[in-house]
Amino acid sequence: MNGAFFAIIPLLFYLALIGFTIWFCTSLITAQKERNQILREISSKLDGTNIGKKEE
């Protein structure tokens, strides 16, 4: 009985590691999507301005 308990601990550790990795990847992808959306909005607002164009 005691040996079975110690055999389960590494399995739980690996499951927790896999779960953390999946959570981290999904949160990173979500943050990148939000960042891209904000940058897209900023870009569309700047399309109407004359920033960076030299007047001659």
C-alpha atoms as a PDB file:
ATOM      1  CA  MET A   1       0.000   0.000   0.000  1.00  0.00           C
ATOM      2  CA  ASN A   2       2.808   2.355   0.866  1.00  0.00           C
ATOM      3  CA  GLY A   3       4.618   1.680  -2.412  1.00  0.00           C
ATOM      4  CA  ALA A   4       1.497   2.421  -4.451  1.00  0.00           C
ATOM      5  CA  PHE A   5       1.265   5.873  -2.885  1.00  0.00           C
ATOM      6  CA  PHE A   6       4.814   6.725  -3.902  1.00  0.00           C
ATOM      7  CA  ALA A   7       4.134   5.449  -7.422  1.00  0.00           C
ATOM      8  CA  ILE A   8       1.225   7.891  -7.835  1.00  0.00           C
ATOM      9  CA  ILE A   9       3.226  10.993  -6.818  1.00  0.00           C
ATOM     10  CA  PRO A  10       5.317  11.204 -10.030  1.00  0.00           C
ATOM     11  CA  LEU A  11       2.185  10.658 -12.111  1.00  0.00           C
ATOM     12  CA  LEU A  12       0.452  13.563 -10.343  1.00  0.00           C
ATOM     13  CA  PHE A  13       3.526  15.705 -10.818  1.00  0.00           C
ATOM     14  CA  TYR A  14       3.601  15.054 -14.568  1.00  0.00           C
ATOM     15  CA  LEU A  15      -0.136  15.690 -14.887  1.00  0.00           C
ATOM     16  CA  ALA A  16       0.247  18.981 -13.031  1.00  0.00           C
ATOM     17  CA  LEU A  17       3.167  19.934 -15.272  1.00  0.00           C
ATOM     18  CA  ILE A  18       1.162  19.167 -18.420  1.00  0.00           C
ATOM     19  CA  GLY A  19      -1.823  21.098 -17.060  1.00  0.00           C
ATOM     20  CA  PHE A  20       0.328  24.122 -16.226  1.00  0.00           C
ATOM     21  CA  THR A  21       1.911  24.041 -19.695  1.00  0.00           C
ATOM     22  CA  ILE A  22      -1.487  23.950 -21.411  1.00  0.00           C
ATOM     23  CA  TRP A  23      -2.773  26.786 -19.204  1.00  0.00           C
ATOM     24  CA  PHE A  24       0.315  28.896 -19.882  1.00  0.00           C
ATOM     25  CA  CYS A  25       0.079  28.389 -23.652  1.00  0.00           C
ATOM     26  CA  THR A  26      -3.612  29.273 -23.798  1.00  0.00           C
ATOM     27  CA  SER A  27      -3.162  32.382 -21.652  1.00  0.00           C
ATOM     28  CA  LEU A  28      -0.197  33.471 -23.780  1.00  0.00           C
ATOM     29  CA  ILE A  29      -2.185  33.012 -26.999  1.00  0.00           C
ATOM     30  CA  THR A  30      -5.112  34.961 -25.539  1.00  0.00           C
ATOM     31  CA  ALA A  31      -2.834  37.831 -24.491  1.00  0.00           C
ATOM     32  CA  GLN A  32      -1.260  37.934 -27.950  1.00  0.00           C
ATOM     33  CA  LYS A  33      -4.686  38.034 -29.616  1.00  0.00           C
ATOM     34  CA  GLU A  34      -5.732  40.951 -27.386  1.00  0.00           C
ATOM     35  CA  ARG A  35      -2.461  42.765 -28.132  1.00  0.00           C
ATOM     36  CA  ASN A  36      -2.913  42.272 -31.868  1.00  0.00           C
ATOM     37  CA  GLN A  37      -6.479  43.599 -31.673  1.00  0.00           C
ATOM     38  CA  ILE A  38      -5.325  46.738 -29.842  1.00  0.00           C
ATOM     39  CA  LEU A  39      -2.515  47.287 -32.345  1.00  0.00           C
ATOM     40  CA  ARG A  40      -4.966  46.789 -35.215  1.00  0.00           C
ATOM     41  CA  GLU A  41      -7.247  49.478 -33.735  1.00  0.00           C
ATOM     42  CA  ILE A  42      -4.328  51.880 -33.283  1.00  0.00           C
ATOM     43  CA  SER A  43      -3.185  51.230 -36.837  1.00  0.00           C
ATOM     44  CA  SER A  44      -6.627  51.902 -38.266  1.00  0.00           C
ATOM     45  CA  LYS A  45      -6.821  55.190 -36.339  1.00  0.00           C
ATOM     46  CA  LEU A  46      -3.412  56.250 -37.647  1.00  0.00           C
ATOM     47  CA  ASP A  47      -4.308  55.486 -41.272  1.00  0.00           C
ATOM     48  CA  GLY A  48      -6.115  58.815 -41.590  1.00  0.00           C
ATOM     49  CA  THR A  49      -3.244  60.927 -40.290  1.00  0.00           C
ATOM     50  CA  ASN A  50      -0.209  62.269 -42.114  1.00  0.00           C
ATOM     51  CA  ILE A  51       2.409  61.061 -39.645  1.00  0.00           C
ATOM     52  CA  GLY A  52       5.777  60.450 -41.233  1.00  0.00           C
ATOM     53  CA  LYS A  53       5.001  62.195 -44.514  1.00  0.00           C
ATOM     54  CA  LYS A  54       7.218  65.130 -45.398  1.00  0.00           C
ATOM     55  CA  GLU A  55       5.583  68.293 -46.622  1.00  0.00           C
ATOM     56  CA  GLU A  56       7.333  69.880 -49.576  1.00  0.00           C
END
